[in-house]
């Protein structure tokens, strides 16, 4: 496989993961993702920002989040985020 095709397939897989987390399963909470997988939507948006910064593109954390979430992060929180259970908070504290 040539490098351009590999890059395009990786980008397609990222876009599908983003779609899954943002459209197909917005009910899954970030804390649950962190507890189970060790990363969440915020991590993905940070990695996006870091990749942009590494290429000389000036992007803040909030800009990266807005690009990944498709809206300001505060709007996502208001529309989709619920209060974490005591069990989820305890699991996060233990694992991180």
PDB file of N, CA and C in Angstrom:
ATOM      1  N   UNK A   1       0.845  -1.174   0.000  1.00  0.00           N
ATOM      2  CA  UNK A   1       0.000   0.000   0.000  1.00  0.00           C
ATOM      3  C   UNK A   1       0.893   1.241   0.000  1.00  0.00           C
ATOM      4  N   UNK A   2       0.563   2.194  -0.850  1.00  0.00           N
ATOM      5  CA  UNK A   2       1.365   3.415  -0.888  1.00  0.00           C
ATOM      6  C   UNK A   2       0.997   4.326   0.281  1.00  0.00           C
ATOM      7  N   UNK A   3       1.888   5.250   0.595  1.00  0.00           N
ATOM      8  CA  UNK A   3       1.730   6.115   1.766  1.00  0.00           C
ATOM      9  C   UNK A   3       0.492   7.006   1.689  1.00  0.00           C
ATOM     10  N   UNK A   4       0.167   7.520   0.512  1.00  0.00           N
ATOM     11  CA  UNK A   4      -1.011   8.389   0.375  1.00  0.00           C
ATOM     12  C   UNK A   4      -2.292   7.604   0.674  1.00  0.00           C
ATOM     13  N   UNK A   5      -2.377   6.386   0.163  1.00  0.00           N
ATOM     14  CA  UNK A   5      -3.556   5.553   0.438  1.00  0.00           C
ATOM     15  C   UNK A   5      -3.648   5.245   1.925  1.00  0.00           C
ATOM     16  N   UNK A   6      -2.509   4.915   2.534  1.00  0.00           N
ATOM     17  CA  UNK A   6      -2.487   4.641   3.971  1.00  0.00           C
ATOM     18  C   UNK A   6      -2.985   5.856   4.748  1.00  0.00           C
ATOM     19  N   UNK A   7      -2.504   7.032   4.407  1.00  0.00           N
ATOM     20  CA  UNK A   7      -2.913   8.264   5.064  1.00  0.00           C
ATOM     21  C   UNK A   7      -4.419   8.492   4.907  1.00  0.00           C
ATOM     22  N   UNK A   8      -4.943   8.264   3.723  1.00  0.00           N
ATOM     23  CA  UNK A   8      -6.367   8.455   3.471  1.00  0.00           C
ATOM     24  C   UNK A   8      -7.221   7.461   4.252  1.00  0.00           C
ATOM     25  N   UNK A   9      -6.763   6.227   4.355  1.00  0.00           N
ATOM     26  CA  UNK A   9      -7.499   5.222   5.130  1.00  0.00           C
ATOM     27  C   UNK A   9      -7.473   5.548   6.622  1.00  0.00           C
ATOM     28  N   UNK A  10      -6.327   5.999   7.112  1.00  0.00           N
ATOM     29  CA  UNK A  10      -6.236   6.398   8.513  1.00  0.00           C
ATOM     30  C   UNK A  10      -7.166   7.579   8.797  1.00  0.00           C
ATOM     31  N   UNK A  11      -7.202   8.542   7.893  1.00  0.00           N
ATOM     32  CA  UNK A  11      -8.091   9.697   8.062  1.00  0.00           C
ATOM     33  C   UNK A  11      -9.554   9.257   8.032  1.00  0.00           C
ATOM     34  N   UNK A  12      -9.889   8.332   7.159  1.00  0.00           N
ATOM     35  CA  UNK A  12     -11.266   7.826   7.086  1.00  0.00           C
ATOM     36  C   UNK A  12     -11.642   7.105   8.378  1.00  0.00           C
ATOM     37  N   UNK A  13     -10.724   6.331   8.933  1.00  0.00           N
ATOM     38  CA  UNK A  13     -10.992   5.628  10.189  1.00  0.00           C
ATOM     39  C   UNK A  13     -11.187   6.636  11.323  1.00  0.00           C
ATOM     40  N   UNK A  14     -10.384   7.687  11.360  1.00  0.00           N
ATOM     41  CA  UNK A  14     -10.544   8.724  12.374  1.00  0.00           C
ATOM     42  C   UNK A  14     -11.909   9.391  12.237  1.00  0.00           C
ATOM     43  N   UNK A  15     -12.297   9.738  11.018  1.00  0.00           N
ATOM     44  CA  UNK A  15     -13.594  10.381  10.807  1.00  0.00           C
ATOM     45  C   UNK A  15     -14.732   9.473  11.244  1.00  0.00           C
ATOM     46  N   UNK A  16     -14.593   8.169  11.002  1.00  0.00           N
ATOM     47  CA  UNK A  16     -15.640   7.229  11.416  1.00  0.00           C
ATOM     48  C   UNK A  16     -15.695   7.103  12.933  1.00  0.00           C
ATOM     49  N   UNK A  17     -14.553   7.106  13.601  1.00  0.00           N
ATOM     50  CA  UNK A  17     -14.528   7.092  15.067  1.00  0.00           C
ATOM     51  C   UNK A  17     -15.190   8.355  15.603  1.00  0.00           C
ATOM     52  N   UNK A  18     -14.868   9.480  15.018  1.00  0.00           N
ATOM     53  CA  UNK A  18     -15.466  10.744  15.439  1.00  0.00           C
ATOM     54  C   UNK A  18     -16.986  10.691  15.252  1.00  0.00           C
ATOM     55  N   UNK A  19     -17.449  10.202  14.117  1.00  0.00           N
ATOM     56  CA  UNK A  19     -18.888  10.081  13.868  1.00  0.00           C
ATOM     57  C   UNK A  19     -19.542   9.161  14.899  1.00  0.00           C
ATOM     58  N   UNK A  20     -18.877   8.052  15.179  1.00  0.00           N
ATOM     59  CA  UNK A  20     -19.429   7.103  16.147  1.00  0.00           C
ATOM     60  C   UNK A  20     -19.602   7.755  17.519  1.00  0.00           C
ATOM     61  N   UNK A  21     -18.574   8.478  17.972  1.00  0.00           N
ATOM     62  CA  UNK A  21     -18.625   9.091  19.299  1.00  0.00           C
ATOM     63  C   UNK A  21     -19.552  10.299  19.363  1.00  0.00           C
ATOM     64  N   UNK A  22     -19.648  11.042  18.278  1.00  0.00           N
ATOM     65  CA  UNK A  22     -20.415  12.281  18.310  1.00  0.00           C
ATOM     66  C   UNK A  22     -21.863  12.098  17.882  1.00  0.00           C
ATOM     67  N   UNK A  23     -22.125  11.206  16.933  1.00  0.00           N
ATOM     68  CA  UNK A  23     -23.480  11.063  16.393  1.00  0.00           C
ATOM     69  C   UNK A  23     -24.144   9.753  16.799  1.00  0.00           C
ATOM     70  N   UNK A  24     -23.408   8.668  16.694  1.00  0.00           N
ATOM     71  CA  UNK A  24     -24.008   7.363  16.967  1.00  0.00           C
ATOM     72  C   UNK A  24     -24.157   7.103  18.465  1.00  0.00           C
ATOM     73  N   UNK A  25     -23.186   7.534  19.267  1.00  0.00           N
ATOM     74  CA  UNK A  25     -23.182   7.241  20.709  1.00  0.00           C
ATOM     75  C   UNK A  25     -22.864   8.464  21.568  1.00  0.00           C
ATOM     76  N   UNK A  26     -23.597   9.554  21.399  1.00  0.00           N
ATOM     77  CA  UNK A  26     -23.338  10.717  22.264  1.00  0.00           C
ATOM     78  C   UNK A  26     -23.708  10.443  23.719  1.00  0.00           C
ATOM     79  N   UNK A  27     -24.448   9.359  23.953  1.00  0.00           N
ATOM     80  CA  UNK A  27     -24.844   8.996  25.315  1.00  0.00           C
ATOM     81  C   UNK A  27     -23.688   8.460  26.147  1.00  0.00           C
ATOM     82  N   UNK A  28     -22.651   7.961  25.490  1.00  0.00           N
ATOM     83  CA  UNK A  28     -21.499   7.434  26.222  1.00  0.00           C
ATOM     84  C   UNK A  28     -20.715   8.615  26.781  1.00  0.00           C
ATOM     85  N   UNK A  29     -20.533   8.606  28.081  1.00  0.00           N
ATOM     86  CA  UNK A  29     -19.891   9.725  28.759  1.00  0.00           C
ATOM     87  C   UNK A  29     -18.370   9.627  28.659  1.00  0.00           C
ATOM     88  N   UNK A  30     -17.713  10.787  28.618  1.00  0.00           N
ATOM     89  CA  UNK A  30     -16.257  10.827  28.538  1.00  0.00           C
ATOM     90  C   UNK A  30     -15.600  10.089  29.704  1.00  0.00           C
ATOM     91  N   UNK A  31     -16.142  10.243  30.902  1.00  0.00           N
ATOM     92  CA  UNK A  31     -15.527   9.581  32.052  1.00  0.00           C
ATOM     93  C   UNK A  31     -15.591   8.063  31.889  1.00  0.00           C
ATOM     94  N   UNK A  32     -16.671   7.554  31.300  1.00  0.00           N
ATOM     95  CA  UNK A  32     -16.780   6.116  31.069  1.00  0.00           C
ATOM     96  C   UNK A  32     -15.771   5.654  30.019  1.00  0.00           C
ATOM     97  N   UNK A  33     -15.582   6.470  28.970  1.00  0.00           N
ATOM     98  CA  UNK A  33     -14.558   6.156  27.973  1.00  0.00           C
ATOM     99  C   UNK A  33     -13.179   6.132  28.617  1.00  0.00           C
ATOM    100  N   UNK A  34     -12.893   7.127  29.451  1.00  0.00           N
ATOM    101  CA  UNK A  34     -11.589   7.182  30.124  1.00  0.00           C
ATOM    102  C   UNK A  34     -11.389   5.962  31.016  1.00  0.00           C
ATOM    103  N   UNK A  35     -12.413   5.598  31.758  1.00  0.00           N
ATOM    104  CA  UNK A  35     -12.300   4.466  32.665  1.00  0.00           C
ATOM    105  C   UNK A  35     -12.107   3.151  31.922  1.00  0.00           C
ATOM    106  N   UNK A  36     -12.739   3.015  30.779  1.00  0.00           N
ATOM    107  CA  UNK A  36     -12.670   1.750  30.045  1.00  0.00           C
ATOM    108  C   UNK A  36     -11.523   1.702  29.040  1.00  0.00           C
ATOM    109  N   UNK A  37     -11.269   2.817  28.359  1.00  0.00           N
ATOM    110  CA  UNK A  37     -10.311   2.797  27.255  1.00  0.00           C
ATOM    111  C   UNK A  37      -9.063   3.631  27.503  1.00  0.00           C
ATOM    112  N   UNK A  38      -9.103   4.499  28.505  1.00  0.00           N
ATOM    113  CA  UNK A  38      -7.948   5.337  28.772  1.00  0.00           C
ATOM    114  C   UNK A  38      -7.857   6.575  27.903  1.00  0.00           C
ATOM    115  N   UNK A  39      -8.898   6.838  27.118  1.00  0.00           N
ATOM    116  CA  UNK A  39      -8.973   8.069  26.333  1.00  0.00           C
ATOM    117  C   UNK A  39     -10.436   8.422  26.118  1.00  0.00           C
ATOM    118  N   UNK A  40     -10.685   9.678  25.737  1.00  0.00           N
ATOM    119  CA  UNK A  40     -12.055  10.120  25.506  1.00  0.00           C
ATOM    120  C   UNK A  40     -12.076  11.144  24.369  1.00  0.00           C
ATOM    121  N   UNK A  41     -13.217  11.750  24.172  1.00  0.00           N
ATOM    122  CA  UNK A  41     -13.358  12.763  23.125  1.00  0.00           C
ATOM    123  C   UNK A  41     -12.384  13.915  23.340  1.00  0.00           C
ATOM    124  N   UNK A  42     -12.195  14.322  24.601  1.00  0.00           N
ATOM    125  CA  UNK A  42     -11.259  15.417  24.878  1.00  0.00           C
ATOM    126  C   UNK A  42      -9.836  15.043  24.490  1.00  0.00           C
ATOM    127  N   UNK A  43      -9.464  13.793  24.718  1.00  0.00           N
ATOM    128  CA  UNK A  43      -8.133  13.334  24.304  1.00  0.00           C
ATOM    129  C   UNK A  43      -7.994  13.437  22.790  1.00  0.00           C
ATOM    130  N   UNK A  44      -9.006  12.977  22.072  1.00  0.00           N
ATOM    131  CA  UNK A  44      -8.960  13.025  20.609  1.00  0.00           C
ATOM    132  C   UNK A  44      -8.860  14.467  20.118  1.00  0.00           C
ATOM    133  N   UNK A  45      -9.609  15.364  20.742  1.00  0.00           N
ATOM    134  CA  UNK A  45      -9.524  16.766  20.322  1.00  0.00           C
ATOM    135  C   UNK A  45      -8.154  17.349  20.651  1.00  0.00           C
ATOM    136  N   UNK A  46      -7.565  16.931  21.770  1.00  0.00           N
ATOM    137  CA  UNK A  46      -6.216  17.403  22.129  1.00  0.00           C
ATOM    138  C   UNK A  46      -5.184  16.856  21.146  1.00  0.00           C
ATOM    139  N   UNK A  47      -5.306  15.590  20.780  1.00  0.00           N
ATOM    140  CA  UNK A  47      -4.369  15.012  19.813  1.00  0.00           C
ATOM    141  C   UNK A  47      -4.479  15.723  18.469  1.00  0.00           C
ATOM    142  N   UNK A  48      -5.682  16.111  18.097  1.00  0.00           N
ATOM    143  CA  UNK A  48      -5.900  16.873  16.863  1.00  0.00           C
ATOM    144  C   UNK A  48      -5.172  18.214  16.970  1.00  0.00           C
ATOM    145  N   UNK A  49      -5.376  18.893  18.096  1.00  0.00           N
ATOM    146  CA  UNK A  49      -4.710  20.182  18.323  1.00  0.00           C
ATOM    147  C   UNK A  49      -3.195  20.023  18.301  1.00  0.00           C
ATOM    148  N   UNK A  50      -2.683  19.006  18.979  1.00  0.00           N
ATOM    149  CA  UNK A  50      -1.239  18.788  19.017  1.00  0.00           C
ATOM    150  C   UNK A  50      -0.681  18.513  17.625  1.00  0.00           C
ATOM    151  N   UNK A  51      -1.418  17.759  16.811  1.00  0.00           N
ATOM    152  CA  UNK A  51      -0.977  17.490  15.433  1.00  0.00           C
ATOM    153  C   UNK A  51      -0.942  18.787  14.627  1.00  0.00           C
ATOM    154  N   UNK A  52      -1.950  19.631  14.817  1.00  0.00           N
ATOM    155  CA  UNK A  52      -1.965  20.922  14.119  1.00  0.00           C
ATOM    156  C   UNK A  52      -0.782  21.769  14.557  1.00  0.00           C
ATOM    157  N   UNK A  53      -0.564  21.858  15.866  1.00  0.00           N
ATOM    158  CA  UNK A  53       0.557  22.646  16.385  1.00  0.00           C
ATOM    159  C   UNK A  53       1.887  22.125  15.863  1.00  0.00           C
ATOM    160  N   UNK A  54       2.044  20.808  15.769  1.00  0.00           N
ATOM    161  CA  UNK A  54       3.291  20.210  15.279  1.00  0.00           C
ATOM    162  C   UNK A  54       3.544  20.570  13.815  1.00  0.00           C
ATOM    163  N   UNK A  55       2.483  20.863  13.094  1.00  0.00           N
ATOM    164  CA  UNK A  55       2.616  21.263  11.684  1.00  0.00           C
ATOM    165  C   UNK A  55       2.687  22.778  11.525  1.00  0.00           C
ATOM    166  N   UNK A  56       2.816  23.498  12.646  1.00  0.00           N
ATOM    167  CA  UNK A  56       2.931  24.946  12.583  1.00  0.00           C
ATOM    168  C   UNK A  56       1.599  25.665  12.491  1.00  0.00           C
ATOM    169  N   UNK A  57       0.497  24.957  12.717  1.00  0.00           N
ATOM    170  CA  UNK A  57      -0.831  25.569  12.691  1.00  0.00           C
ATOM    171  C   UNK A  57      -1.184  25.961  14.121  1.00  0.00           C
ATOM    172  N   UNK A  58      -1.406  27.234  14.334  1.00  0.00           N
ATOM    173  CA  UNK A  58      -1.730  27.733  15.662  1.00  0.00           C
ATOM    174  C   UNK A  58      -3.169  27.360  15.994  1.00  0.00           C
ATOM    175  N   UNK A  59      -3.356  26.522  17.006  1.00  0.00           N
ATOM    176  CA  UNK A  59      -4.681  26.084  17.411  1.00  0.00           C
ATOM    177  C   UNK A  59      -4.699  25.934  18.926  1.00  0.00           C
ATOM    178  N   UNK A  60      -5.691  26.526  19.561  1.00  0.00           N
ATOM    179  CA  UNK A  60      -5.833  26.419  21.000  1.00  0.00           C
ATOM    180  C   UNK A  60      -6.601  25.142  21.356  1.00  0.00           C
ATOM    181  N   UNK A  61      -6.591  24.816  22.647  1.00  0.00           N
ATOM    182  CA  UNK A  61      -7.350  23.665  23.133  1.00  0.00           C
ATOM    183  C   UNK A  61      -8.830  23.844  22.810  1.00  0.00           C
ATOM    184  N   UNK A  62      -9.362  25.029  23.043  1.00  0.00           N
ATOM    185  CA  UNK A  62     -10.779  25.274  22.763  1.00  0.00           C
ATOM    186  C   UNK A  62     -11.091  25.166  21.281  1.00  0.00           C
ATOM    187  N   UNK A  63     -10.191  25.636  20.426  1.00  0.00           N
ATOM    188  CA  UNK A  63     -10.402  25.511  18.978  1.00  0.00           C
ATOM    189  C   UNK A  63     -10.380  24.049  18.552  1.00  0.00           C
ATOM    190  N   UNK A  64      -9.449  23.272  19.100  1.00  0.00           N
ATOM    191  CA  UNK A  64      -9.396  21.847  18.790  1.00  0.00           C
ATOM    192  C   UNK A  64     -10.661  21.135  19.224  1.00  0.00           C
ATOM    193  N   UNK A  65     -11.154  21.474  20.406  1.00  0.00           N
ATOM    194  CA  UNK A  65     -12.391  20.861  20.888  1.00  0.00           C
ATOM    195  C   UNK A  65     -13.572  21.219  19.994  1.00  0.00           C
ATOM    196  N   UNK A  66     -13.660  22.485  19.595  1.00  0.00           N
ATOM    197  CA  UNK A  66     -14.784  22.895  18.756  1.00  0.00           C
ATOM    198  C   UNK A  66     -14.753  22.185  17.406  1.00  0.00           C
ATOM    199  N   UNK A  67     -13.564  21.989  16.862  1.00  0.00           N
ATOM    200  CA  UNK A  67     -13.450  21.263  15.599  1.00  0.00           C
ATOM    201  C   UNK A  67     -13.884  19.810  15.792  1.00  0.00           C
ATOM    202  N   UNK A  68     -13.397  19.165  16.854  1.00  0.00           N
ATOM    203  CA  UNK A  68     -13.739  17.756  17.062  1.00  0.00           C
ATOM    204  C   UNK A  68     -15.212  17.582  17.419  1.00  0.00           C
ATOM    205  N   UNK A  69     -15.712  18.402  18.347  1.00  0.00           N
ATOM    206  CA  UNK A  69     -17.093  18.279  18.807  1.00  0.00           C
ATOM    207  C   UNK A  69     -18.103  18.825  17.798  1.00  0.00           C
ATOM    208  N   UNK A  70     -17.637  19.684  16.886  1.00  0.00           N
ATOM    209  CA  UNK A  70     -18.556  20.288  15.920  1.00  0.00           C
ATOM    210  C   UNK A  70     -19.391  21.400  16.527  1.00  0.00           C
ATOM    211  N   UNK A  71     -19.009  21.853  17.706  1.00  0.00           N
ATOM    212  CA  UNK A  71     -19.707  22.912  18.429  1.00  0.00           C
ATOM    213  C   UNK A  71     -18.816  23.317  19.599  1.00  0.00           C
ATOM    214  N   UNK A  72     -19.092  24.456  20.203  1.00  0.00           N
ATOM    215  CA  UNK A  72     -18.328  24.792  21.412  1.00  0.00           C
ATOM    216  C   UNK A  72     -18.506  23.699  22.465  1.00  0.00           C
ATOM    217  N   UNK A  73     -17.448  23.434  23.205  1.00  0.00           N
ATOM    218  CA  UNK A  73     -17.474  22.364  24.197  1.00  0.00           C
ATOM    219  C   UNK A  73     -18.581  22.583  25.229  1.00  0.00           C
ATOM    220  N   UNK A  74     -18.814  23.831  25.624  1.00  0.00           N
ATOM    221  CA  UNK A  74     -19.870  24.123  26.599  1.00  0.00           C
ATOM    222  C   UNK A  74     -21.238  23.690  26.070  1.00  0.00           C
ATOM    223  N   UNK A  75     -21.453  23.828  24.771  1.00  0.00           N
ATOM    224  CA  UNK A  75     -22.723  23.385  24.179  1.00  0.00           C
ATOM    225  C   UNK A  75     -22.843  21.868  24.235  1.00  0.00           C
ATOM    226  N   UNK A  76     -21.736  21.165  23.941  1.00  0.00           N
ATOM    227  CA  UNK A  76     -21.749  19.705  24.027  1.00  0.00           C
ATOM    228  C   UNK A  76     -22.083  19.280  25.458  1.00  0.00           C
ATOM    229  N   UNK A  77     -21.416  19.881  26.417  1.00  0.00           N
ATOM    230  CA  UNK A  77     -21.657  19.526  27.815  1.00  0.00           C
ATOM    231  C   UNK A  77     -23.128  19.738  28.183  1.00  0.00           C
ATOM    232  N   UNK A  78     -23.685  20.879  27.794  1.00  0.00           N
ATOM    233  CA  UNK A  78     -25.072  21.192  28.128  1.00  0.00           C
ATOM    234  C   UNK A  78     -26.049  20.204  27.484  1.00  0.00           C
ATOM    235  N   UNK A  79     -25.726  19.760  26.280  1.00  0.00           N
ATOM    236  CA  UNK A  79     -26.636  18.875  25.541  1.00  0.00           C
ATOM    237  C   UNK A  79     -26.454  17.396  25.823  1.00  0.00           C
ATOM    238  N   UNK A  80     -25.248  16.967  26.234  1.00  0.00           N
ATOM    239  CA  UNK A  80     -24.965  15.535  26.295  1.00  0.00           C
ATOM    240  C   UNK A  80     -24.333  15.035  27.585  1.00  0.00           C
ATOM    241  N   UNK A  81     -23.701  15.893  28.338  1.00  0.00           N
ATOM    242  CA  UNK A  81     -22.959  15.411  29.505  1.00  0.00           C
ATOM    243  C   UNK A  81     -23.879  15.322  30.718  1.00  0.00           C
ATOM    244  N   UNK A  82     -23.760  14.212  31.417  1.00  0.00           N
ATOM    245  CA  UNK A  82     -24.516  14.019  32.652  1.00  0.00           C
ATOM    246  C   UNK A  82     -23.543  14.001  33.826  1.00  0.00           C
ATOM    247  N   UNK A  83     -24.076  14.098  35.003  1.00  0.00           N
ATOM    248  CA  UNK A  83     -23.256  14.044  36.208  1.00  0.00           C
ATOM    249  C   UNK A  83     -22.661  12.646  36.341  1.00  0.00           C
ATOM    250  N   UNK A  84     -21.368  12.582  36.585  1.00  0.00           N
ATOM    251  CA  UNK A  84     -20.704  11.283  36.758  1.00  0.00           C
ATOM    252  C   UNK A  84     -21.141  10.661  38.076  1.00  0.00           C
ATOM    253  N   UNK A  85     -21.342   9.369  38.026  1.00  0.00           N
ATOM    254  CA  UNK A  85     -21.728   8.651  39.244  1.00  0.00           C
ATOM    255  C   UNK A  85     -20.548   8.602  40.208  1.00  0.00           C
ATOM    256  N   UNK A  86     -20.837   8.412  41.497  1.00  0.00           N
ATOM    257  CA  UNK A  86     -19.736   8.260  42.453  1.00  0.00           C
ATOM    258  C   UNK A  86     -18.811   7.101  42.078  1.00  0.00           C
ATOM    259  N   UNK A  87     -19.374   6.025  41.531  1.00  0.00           N
ATOM    260  CA  UNK A  87     -18.570   4.874  41.115  1.00  0.00           C
ATOM    261  C   UNK A  87     -17.638   5.230  39.969  1.00  0.00           C
ATOM    262  N   UNK A  88     -18.161   5.990  39.002  1.00  0.00           N
ATOM    263  CA  UNK A  88     -17.326   6.402  37.856  1.00  0.00           C
ATOM    264  C   UNK A  88     -16.216   7.337  38.314  1.00  0.00           C
ATOM    265  N   UNK A  89     -16.529   8.255  39.215  1.00  0.00           N
ATOM    266  CA  UNK A  89     -15.513   9.174  39.736  1.00  0.00           C
ATOM    267  C   UNK A  89     -14.448   8.414  40.515  1.00  0.00           C
ATOM    268  N   UNK A  90     -14.865   7.433  41.293  1.00  0.00           N
ATOM    269  CA  UNK A  90     -13.901   6.634  42.064  1.00  0.00           C
ATOM    270  C   UNK A  90     -13.008   5.830  41.128  1.00  0.00           C
ATOM    271  N   UNK A  91     -13.607   5.228  40.094  1.00  0.00           N
ATOM    272  CA  UNK A  91     -12.822   4.447  39.132  1.00  0.00           C
ATOM    273  C   UNK A  91     -11.829   5.337  38.413  1.00  0.00           C
ATOM    274  N   UNK A  92     -12.242   6.545  38.058  1.00  0.00           N
ATOM    275  CA  UNK A  92     -11.332   7.492  37.379  1.00  0.00           C
ATOM    276  C   UNK A  92     -10.179   7.857  38.313  1.00  0.00           C
ATOM    277  N   UNK A  93     -10.501   8.131  39.559  1.00  0.00           N
ATOM    278  CA  UNK A  93      -9.461   8.497  40.522  1.00  0.00           C
ATOM    279  C   UNK A  93      -8.464   7.362  40.699  1.00  0.00           C
ATOM    280  N   UNK A  94      -8.949   6.129  40.744  1.00  0.00           N
ATOM    281  CA  UNK A  94      -8.072   4.970  40.913  1.00  0.00           C
ATOM    282  C   UNK A  94      -7.183   4.723  39.704  1.00  0.00           C
ATOM    283  N   UNK A  95      -7.721   4.962  38.504  1.00  0.00           N
ATOM    284  CA  UNK A  95      -6.964   4.615  37.298  1.00  0.00           C
ATOM    285  C   UNK A  95      -6.129   5.760  36.757  1.00  0.00           C
ATOM    286  N   UNK A  96      -6.377   6.963  37.202  1.00  0.00           N
ATOM    287  CA  UNK A  96      -5.636   8.110  36.674  1.00  0.00           C
ATOM    288  C   UNK A  96      -5.021   8.865  37.813  1.00  0.00           C
TER     289      UNK A  96
END
